[in-house]
């Protein structure tokens, strides 16, 4: 039988992983919505935002993959690998959301 502490730790880890993914999803969806409204002329969008949204993705994903790869090579837990993968993407999506949210009208 699995000790209670171990099963509770596992449940907390799964919950934390789900939370990280949910935050990433919410940040990314908000950025997508703001950019879509900006391209439609419904929200002010900084000059060059269309090019920026294409050019920023490769470096962000490479950073994410390298972090996850390093976590795997150092034998970290699957949850730590997932967190290493989501952290750079969440950071980029959050900075985009903040920047786009305060665009001047």
N, C-alpha and C. Protein backbone atom coordinates (compact mmCIF):
# COMPACT_ATOMS: atom_id res chain seq x y z
N UNK A 1 0.83 -1.19 0.00
CA UNK A 1 0.00 0.00 0.00
C UNK A 1 0.87 1.25 0.00
N UNK A 2 0.47 2.25 -0.76
CA UNK A 2 1.22 3.50 -0.86
C UNK A 2 0.96 4.33 0.40
N UNK A 3 2.03 4.83 1.03
CA UNK A 3 1.82 5.69 2.20
C UNK A 3 1.01 6.93 1.84
N UNK A 4 0.25 7.43 2.79
CA UNK A 4 -0.60 8.60 2.55
C UNK A 4 0.21 9.81 2.14
N UNK A 5 1.38 10.02 2.79
CA UNK A 5 2.20 11.17 2.45
C UNK A 5 2.60 11.15 0.98
N UNK A 6 2.99 9.99 0.47
CA UNK A 6 3.41 9.87 -0.92
C UNK A 6 2.25 10.16 -1.87
N UNK A 7 1.10 9.63 -1.60
CA UNK A 7 -0.04 9.87 -2.49
C UNK A 7 -0.49 11.32 -2.42
N UNK A 8 -0.40 11.95 -1.25
CA UNK A 8 -0.75 13.37 -1.14
C UNK A 8 0.27 14.24 -1.86
N UNK A 9 1.55 13.87 -1.76
CA UNK A 9 2.58 14.61 -2.49
C UNK A 9 2.35 14.51 -3.99
N UNK A 10 1.99 13.30 -4.43
CA UNK A 10 1.72 13.11 -5.86
C UNK A 10 0.53 13.96 -6.31
N UNK A 11 -0.52 13.98 -5.53
CA UNK A 11 -1.70 14.79 -5.87
C UNK A 11 -1.33 16.27 -5.93
N UNK A 12 -0.52 16.73 -5.01
CA UNK A 12 -0.10 18.14 -5.00
C UNK A 12 0.74 18.45 -6.23
N UNK A 13 1.60 17.52 -6.62
CA UNK A 13 2.44 17.72 -7.81
C UNK A 13 1.59 17.79 -9.07
N UNK A 14 0.64 16.90 -9.20
CA UNK A 14 -0.26 16.91 -10.36
C UNK A 14 -1.05 18.21 -10.40
N UNK A 15 -1.53 18.64 -9.26
CA UNK A 15 -2.28 19.89 -9.18
C UNK A 15 -1.41 21.06 -9.61
N UNK A 16 -0.17 21.09 -9.14
CA UNK A 16 0.76 22.17 -9.48
C UNK A 16 1.04 22.18 -10.99
N UNK A 17 1.25 21.01 -11.58
CA UNK A 17 1.50 20.92 -13.02
C UNK A 17 0.30 21.42 -13.81
N UNK A 18 -0.89 21.03 -13.39
CA UNK A 18 -2.10 21.50 -14.06
C UNK A 18 -2.23 23.01 -13.95
N UNK A 19 -1.86 23.55 -12.80
CA UNK A 19 -1.94 25.00 -12.61
C UNK A 19 -0.96 25.72 -13.54
N UNK A 20 0.26 25.21 -13.66
CA UNK A 20 1.24 25.83 -14.57
C UNK A 20 0.74 25.83 -16.01
N UNK A 21 0.18 24.72 -16.44
CA UNK A 21 -0.35 24.65 -17.81
C UNK A 21 -1.55 25.56 -18.00
N UNK A 22 -2.39 25.67 -16.99
CA UNK A 22 -3.57 26.54 -17.09
C UNK A 22 -3.16 28.01 -17.17
N UNK A 23 -2.17 28.39 -16.40
CA UNK A 23 -1.68 29.78 -16.46
C UNK A 23 -1.10 30.06 -17.84
N UNK A 24 -0.30 29.15 -18.36
CA UNK A 24 0.26 29.33 -19.71
C UNK A 24 -0.86 29.46 -20.74
N UNK A 25 -1.86 28.61 -20.64
CA UNK A 25 -2.98 28.66 -21.58
C UNK A 25 -3.73 29.99 -21.50
N UNK A 26 -4.00 30.46 -20.30
CA UNK A 26 -4.73 31.72 -20.14
C UNK A 26 -3.93 32.91 -20.66
N UNK A 27 -2.65 32.94 -20.35
CA UNK A 27 -1.80 34.05 -20.84
C UNK A 27 -1.74 34.04 -22.37
N UNK A 28 -1.53 32.86 -22.95
CA UNK A 28 -1.43 32.76 -24.41
C UNK A 28 -2.75 33.14 -25.08
N UNK A 29 -3.87 32.67 -24.54
CA UNK A 29 -5.17 33.00 -25.13
C UNK A 29 -5.46 34.51 -25.06
N UNK A 30 -5.05 35.14 -23.98
CA UNK A 30 -5.26 36.58 -23.86
C UNK A 30 -4.44 37.31 -24.89
N UNK A 31 -3.19 36.90 -25.09
CA UNK A 31 -2.35 37.54 -26.10
C UNK A 31 -2.94 37.33 -27.49
N UNK A 32 -3.41 36.15 -27.77
CA UNK A 32 -4.03 35.87 -29.07
C UNK A 32 -5.25 36.77 -29.27
N UNK A 33 -6.08 36.90 -28.26
CA UNK A 33 -7.27 37.74 -28.37
C UNK A 33 -6.90 39.21 -28.59
N UNK A 34 -5.93 39.71 -27.83
CA UNK A 34 -5.52 41.12 -27.98
C UNK A 34 -4.94 41.38 -29.36
N UNK A 35 -4.12 40.45 -29.84
CA UNK A 35 -3.52 40.63 -31.17
C UNK A 35 -4.58 40.53 -32.27
N UNK A 36 -5.52 39.62 -32.12
CA UNK A 36 -6.58 39.50 -33.11
C UNK A 36 -7.43 40.77 -33.15
N UNK A 37 -7.77 41.29 -31.97
CA UNK A 37 -8.54 42.54 -31.93
C UNK A 37 -7.71 43.68 -32.51
N UNK A 38 -6.41 43.68 -32.28
CA UNK A 38 -5.55 44.72 -32.83
C UNK A 38 -5.50 44.67 -34.36
N UNK A 39 -5.41 43.48 -34.92
CA UNK A 39 -5.38 43.35 -36.38
C UNK A 39 -6.72 43.71 -36.99
N UNK A 40 -7.79 43.56 -36.23
CA UNK A 40 -9.12 43.92 -36.72
C UNK A 40 -9.42 45.40 -36.51
N UNK A 41 -8.51 46.11 -35.84
CA UNK A 41 -8.71 47.53 -35.59
C UNK A 41 -9.58 47.83 -34.38
N UNK A 42 -9.82 46.83 -33.55
CA UNK A 42 -10.67 47.03 -32.38
C UNK A 42 -9.87 47.34 -31.12
N UNK A 43 -8.56 47.18 -31.17
CA UNK A 43 -7.68 47.41 -30.03
C UNK A 43 -6.38 48.02 -30.56
N UNK A 44 -5.84 49.02 -29.88
CA UNK A 44 -4.59 49.60 -30.37
C UNK A 44 -3.45 48.60 -30.26
N UNK A 45 -2.67 48.52 -31.32
CA UNK A 45 -1.57 47.57 -31.35
C UNK A 45 -0.29 48.32 -31.73
N UNK A 46 0.80 48.08 -31.04
CA UNK A 46 2.05 48.76 -31.36
C UNK A 46 2.49 48.47 -32.80
N UNK A 47 3.20 49.40 -33.37
CA UNK A 47 3.74 49.25 -34.72
C UNK A 47 4.67 48.03 -34.75
N UNK A 48 4.57 47.22 -35.76
CA UNK A 48 5.43 46.05 -35.91
C UNK A 48 5.03 44.84 -35.09
N UNK A 49 3.86 44.87 -34.50
CA UNK A 49 3.43 43.76 -33.65
C UNK A 49 3.23 42.48 -34.46
N UNK A 50 2.79 42.60 -35.70
CA UNK A 50 2.56 41.42 -36.52
C UNK A 50 3.87 40.67 -36.76
N UNK A 51 4.92 41.42 -37.09
CA UNK A 51 6.23 40.79 -37.29
C UNK A 51 6.77 40.23 -35.97
N UNK A 52 6.55 40.97 -34.90
CA UNK A 52 7.04 40.54 -33.60
C UNK A 52 6.44 39.20 -33.19
N UNK A 53 5.13 39.03 -33.45
CA UNK A 53 4.48 37.79 -33.00
C UNK A 53 5.01 36.58 -33.76
N UNK A 54 5.53 36.78 -34.95
CA UNK A 54 6.12 35.66 -35.70
C UNK A 54 7.57 35.44 -35.27
N UNK A 55 8.32 36.52 -35.11
CA UNK A 55 9.75 36.42 -34.82
C UNK A 55 10.08 36.00 -33.39
N UNK A 56 9.17 36.18 -32.46
CA UNK A 56 9.48 35.86 -31.07
C UNK A 56 9.30 34.38 -30.74
N UNK A 57 8.56 33.66 -31.56
CA UNK A 57 8.25 32.27 -31.23
C UNK A 57 9.45 31.33 -31.28
N UNK A 58 10.25 31.32 -32.34
CA UNK A 58 11.38 30.37 -32.35
C UNK A 58 12.32 30.52 -31.14
N UNK A 59 12.77 31.73 -30.79
CA UNK A 59 13.65 31.82 -29.61
C UNK A 59 12.96 31.37 -28.32
N UNK A 60 11.68 31.68 -28.17
CA UNK A 60 10.97 31.28 -26.95
C UNK A 60 10.86 29.76 -26.85
N UNK A 61 10.55 29.11 -27.95
CA UNK A 61 10.43 27.65 -27.92
C UNK A 61 11.79 26.97 -27.76
N UNK A 62 12.83 27.54 -28.38
CA UNK A 62 14.17 26.96 -28.20
C UNK A 62 14.58 27.06 -26.73
N UNK A 63 14.34 28.22 -26.11
CA UNK A 63 14.66 28.38 -24.69
C UNK A 63 13.88 27.35 -23.85
N UNK A 64 12.64 27.15 -24.20
CA UNK A 64 11.80 26.20 -23.48
C UNK A 64 12.31 24.77 -23.65
N UNK A 65 12.64 24.40 -24.88
CA UNK A 65 13.12 23.05 -25.14
C UNK A 65 14.46 22.79 -24.46
N UNK A 66 15.35 23.79 -24.48
CA UNK A 66 16.66 23.63 -23.84
C UNK A 66 16.47 23.44 -22.33
N UNK A 67 15.60 24.25 -21.74
CA UNK A 67 15.35 24.12 -20.29
C UNK A 67 14.79 22.74 -19.96
N UNK A 68 13.84 22.27 -20.74
CA UNK A 68 13.26 20.94 -20.49
C UNK A 68 14.30 19.85 -20.74
N UNK A 69 15.09 20.00 -21.79
CA UNK A 69 16.14 19.02 -22.07
C UNK A 69 17.17 18.94 -20.96
N UNK A 70 17.56 20.09 -20.44
CA UNK A 70 18.50 20.12 -19.33
C UNK A 70 17.90 19.45 -18.10
N UNK A 71 16.63 19.72 -17.85
CA UNK A 71 15.96 19.09 -16.71
C UNK A 71 15.93 17.57 -16.88
N UNK A 72 15.70 17.10 -18.09
CA UNK A 72 15.71 15.65 -18.32
C UNK A 72 17.11 15.06 -18.15
N UNK A 73 18.12 15.76 -18.70
CA UNK A 73 19.49 15.26 -18.61
C UNK A 73 19.99 15.20 -17.17
N UNK A 74 19.47 16.07 -16.33
CA UNK A 74 19.88 16.07 -14.92
C UNK A 74 18.97 15.19 -14.07
N UNK A 75 18.17 14.36 -14.76
CA UNK A 75 17.33 13.35 -14.10
C UNK A 75 16.32 13.95 -13.13
N UNK A 76 15.75 15.09 -13.48
CA UNK A 76 14.73 15.69 -12.63
C UNK A 76 13.40 14.97 -12.86
N UNK A 77 12.47 15.20 -11.97
CA UNK A 77 11.17 14.53 -12.05
C UNK A 77 10.39 15.04 -13.27
N UNK A 78 9.43 14.27 -13.73
CA UNK A 78 8.61 14.72 -14.86
C UNK A 78 7.94 16.08 -14.58
N UNK A 79 7.52 16.30 -13.35
CA UNK A 79 6.92 17.58 -13.00
C UNK A 79 7.91 18.73 -13.14
N UNK A 80 9.16 18.50 -12.76
CA UNK A 80 10.18 19.53 -12.90
C UNK A 80 10.49 19.79 -14.37
N UNK A 81 10.48 18.74 -15.18
CA UNK A 81 10.70 18.91 -16.62
C UNK A 81 9.57 19.74 -17.23
N UNK A 82 8.35 19.42 -16.85
CA UNK A 82 7.21 20.18 -17.35
C UNK A 82 7.30 21.65 -16.93
N UNK A 83 7.66 21.88 -15.69
CA UNK A 83 7.78 23.25 -15.21
C UNK A 83 8.91 23.98 -15.93
N UNK A 84 10.02 23.29 -16.19
CA UNK A 84 11.13 23.90 -16.93
C UNK A 84 10.69 24.26 -18.34
N UNK A 85 9.82 23.45 -18.92
CA UNK A 85 9.33 23.71 -20.27
C UNK A 85 8.34 24.88 -20.29
N UNK A 86 7.46 24.94 -19.30
CA UNK A 86 6.43 25.99 -19.32
C UNK A 86 6.94 27.35 -18.85
N UNK A 87 7.94 27.39 -17.98
CA UNK A 87 8.38 28.66 -17.39
C UNK A 87 8.77 29.71 -18.44
N UNK A 88 9.64 29.41 -19.43
CA UNK A 88 10.00 30.44 -20.41
C UNK A 88 8.81 30.88 -21.27
N UNK A 89 7.94 29.93 -21.61
CA UNK A 89 6.78 30.28 -22.44
C UNK A 89 5.79 31.14 -21.66
N UNK A 90 5.57 30.82 -20.40
CA UNK A 90 4.67 31.61 -19.57
C UNK A 90 5.23 33.01 -19.37
N UNK A 91 6.54 33.10 -19.12
CA UNK A 91 7.17 34.41 -18.93
C UNK A 91 6.99 35.29 -20.17
N UNK A 92 7.19 34.72 -21.35
CA UNK A 92 7.05 35.48 -22.60
C UNK A 92 5.59 35.87 -22.84
N UNK A 93 4.68 34.95 -22.63
CA UNK A 93 3.25 35.24 -22.83
C UNK A 93 2.78 36.31 -21.85
N UNK A 94 3.24 36.23 -20.60
CA UNK A 94 2.84 37.22 -19.60
C UNK A 94 3.37 38.62 -19.96
N UNK A 95 4.61 38.69 -20.40
CA UNK A 95 5.16 40.00 -20.77
C UNK A 95 4.42 40.56 -21.99
N UNK A 96 4.05 39.71 -22.93
CA UNK A 96 3.27 40.16 -24.08
C UNK A 96 1.89 40.67 -23.65
N UNK A 97 1.25 39.92 -22.75
CA UNK A 97 -0.07 40.34 -22.29
C UNK A 97 -0.01 41.69 -21.59
N UNK A 98 0.97 41.87 -20.75
CA UNK A 98 1.11 43.15 -20.04
C UNK A 98 1.36 44.29 -21.02
N UNK A 99 2.26 44.06 -21.98
CA UNK A 99 2.58 45.11 -22.96
C UNK A 99 1.38 45.45 -23.82
N UNK A 100 0.68 44.43 -24.30
CA UNK A 100 -0.47 44.67 -25.17
C UNK A 100 -1.67 45.25 -24.41
N UNK A 101 -1.80 44.89 -23.14
CA UNK A 101 -2.93 45.38 -22.34
C UNK A 101 -2.85 46.88 -22.09
N UNK A 102 -1.65 47.40 -22.02
CA UNK A 102 -1.52 48.84 -21.75
C UNK A 102 -1.20 49.66 -23.00
N UNK A 103 -1.54 49.10 -24.16
CA UNK A 103 -1.33 49.84 -25.41
C UNK A 103 -2.15 51.13 -25.39
N UNK A 104 -1.55 52.17 -25.94
CA UNK A 104 -2.23 53.48 -25.93
C UNK A 104 -3.33 53.49 -26.98
N UNK A 105 -4.42 54.11 -26.61
CA UNK A 105 -5.58 54.17 -27.51
C UNK A 105 -5.58 55.42 -28.31
